[in-house]
């Protein structure tokens, strides 16, 4: 697989669900649907987000860490 193929697998834009609440000062965890399955990512947000809420990934900061925002209802 080439580097270009890897970058096309980014979770940015994917919808996920918070599995560990995201506090204001540290990471929580989200389960995101990617590559035909679900994967867990450490997640940061600009405000606390509670467990089981839907989020959208807005930025990938490493292979296993993302920045999310609440998904509009």
Protein backbone atom coordinates (compact mmCIF):
# COMPACT_ATOMS: atom_id res chain seq x y z
CA UNK A 1 0.00 0.00 0.00
CA UNK A 2 1.38 3.41 -0.88
CA UNK A 3 1.47 6.51 1.30
CA UNK A 4 -1.31 8.02 -0.82
CA UNK A 5 -3.47 4.98 -0.09
CA UNK A 6 -2.88 5.39 3.65
CA UNK A 7 -3.89 9.05 3.61
CA UNK A 8 -7.14 8.18 1.86
CA UNK A 9 -8.04 6.09 4.93
CA UNK A 10 -8.15 9.09 7.27
CA UNK A 11 -10.99 9.17 9.80
CA UNK A 12 -11.60 12.90 9.15
CA UNK A 13 -15.26 13.40 8.32
CA UNK A 14 -16.30 10.10 9.88
CA UNK A 15 -19.08 9.91 12.45
CA UNK A 16 -18.33 8.29 15.78
CA UNK A 17 -19.75 7.70 19.24
CA UNK A 18 -18.07 8.69 22.50
CA UNK A 19 -17.21 5.59 24.56
CA UNK A 20 -15.19 7.37 27.27
CA UNK A 21 -16.39 10.93 28.08
CA UNK A 22 -14.16 13.67 26.70
CA UNK A 23 -13.19 16.15 29.45
CA UNK A 24 -12.21 19.78 28.87
CA UNK A 25 -8.56 19.13 29.78
CA UNK A 26 -7.71 15.75 28.31
CA UNK A 27 -8.64 12.93 26.00
CA UNK A 28 -11.63 10.66 26.00
CA UNK A 29 -12.27 7.88 23.52
CA UNK A 30 -14.45 7.56 20.45
CA UNK A 31 -15.44 4.57 18.34
CA UNK A 32 -15.37 5.60 14.67
CA UNK A 33 -16.63 3.74 11.62
CA UNK A 34 -13.67 3.51 9.23
CA UNK A 35 -12.30 1.05 6.69
CA UNK A 36 -15.39 -1.15 6.84
CA UNK A 37 -15.29 -1.56 10.61
CA UNK A 38 -15.06 0.38 13.87
CA UNK A 39 -11.86 1.62 15.48
CA UNK A 40 -11.20 3.32 18.82
CA UNK A 41 -9.33 6.64 18.89
CA UNK A 42 -8.16 8.91 21.69
CA UNK A 43 -10.25 12.04 21.23
CA UNK A 44 -9.95 15.68 22.21
CA UNK A 45 -12.58 18.42 21.88
CA UNK A 46 -12.82 22.13 22.67
CA UNK A 47 -15.50 21.38 25.28
CA UNK A 48 -16.57 18.34 27.31
CA UNK A 49 -18.62 15.73 25.44
CA UNK A 50 -20.51 13.02 27.28
CA UNK A 51 -20.60 9.26 26.77
CA UNK A 52 -22.74 7.83 23.95
CA UNK A 53 -23.04 11.16 22.12
CA UNK A 54 -22.40 11.25 18.38
CA UNK A 55 -19.41 13.23 17.11
CA UNK A 56 -17.74 14.01 13.81
CA UNK A 57 -13.96 13.80 13.39
CA UNK A 58 -12.63 17.19 12.28
CA UNK A 59 -8.88 16.53 12.46
CA UNK A 60 -6.49 13.61 12.78
CA UNK A 61 -3.55 14.53 15.04
CA UNK A 62 -1.82 11.13 14.94
CA UNK A 63 -2.51 7.58 13.82
CA UNK A 64 -4.69 6.91 16.90
CA UNK A 65 -5.73 10.43 18.04
CA UNK A 66 -8.37 12.76 16.69
CA UNK A 67 -10.13 16.04 17.36
CA UNK A 68 -13.92 15.84 17.33
CA UNK A 69 -16.97 18.09 17.50
CA UNK A 70 -20.51 17.19 18.51
CA UNK A 71 -22.49 15.86 15.54
CA UNK A 72 -25.52 18.05 14.83
CA UNK A 73 -28.78 16.34 15.74
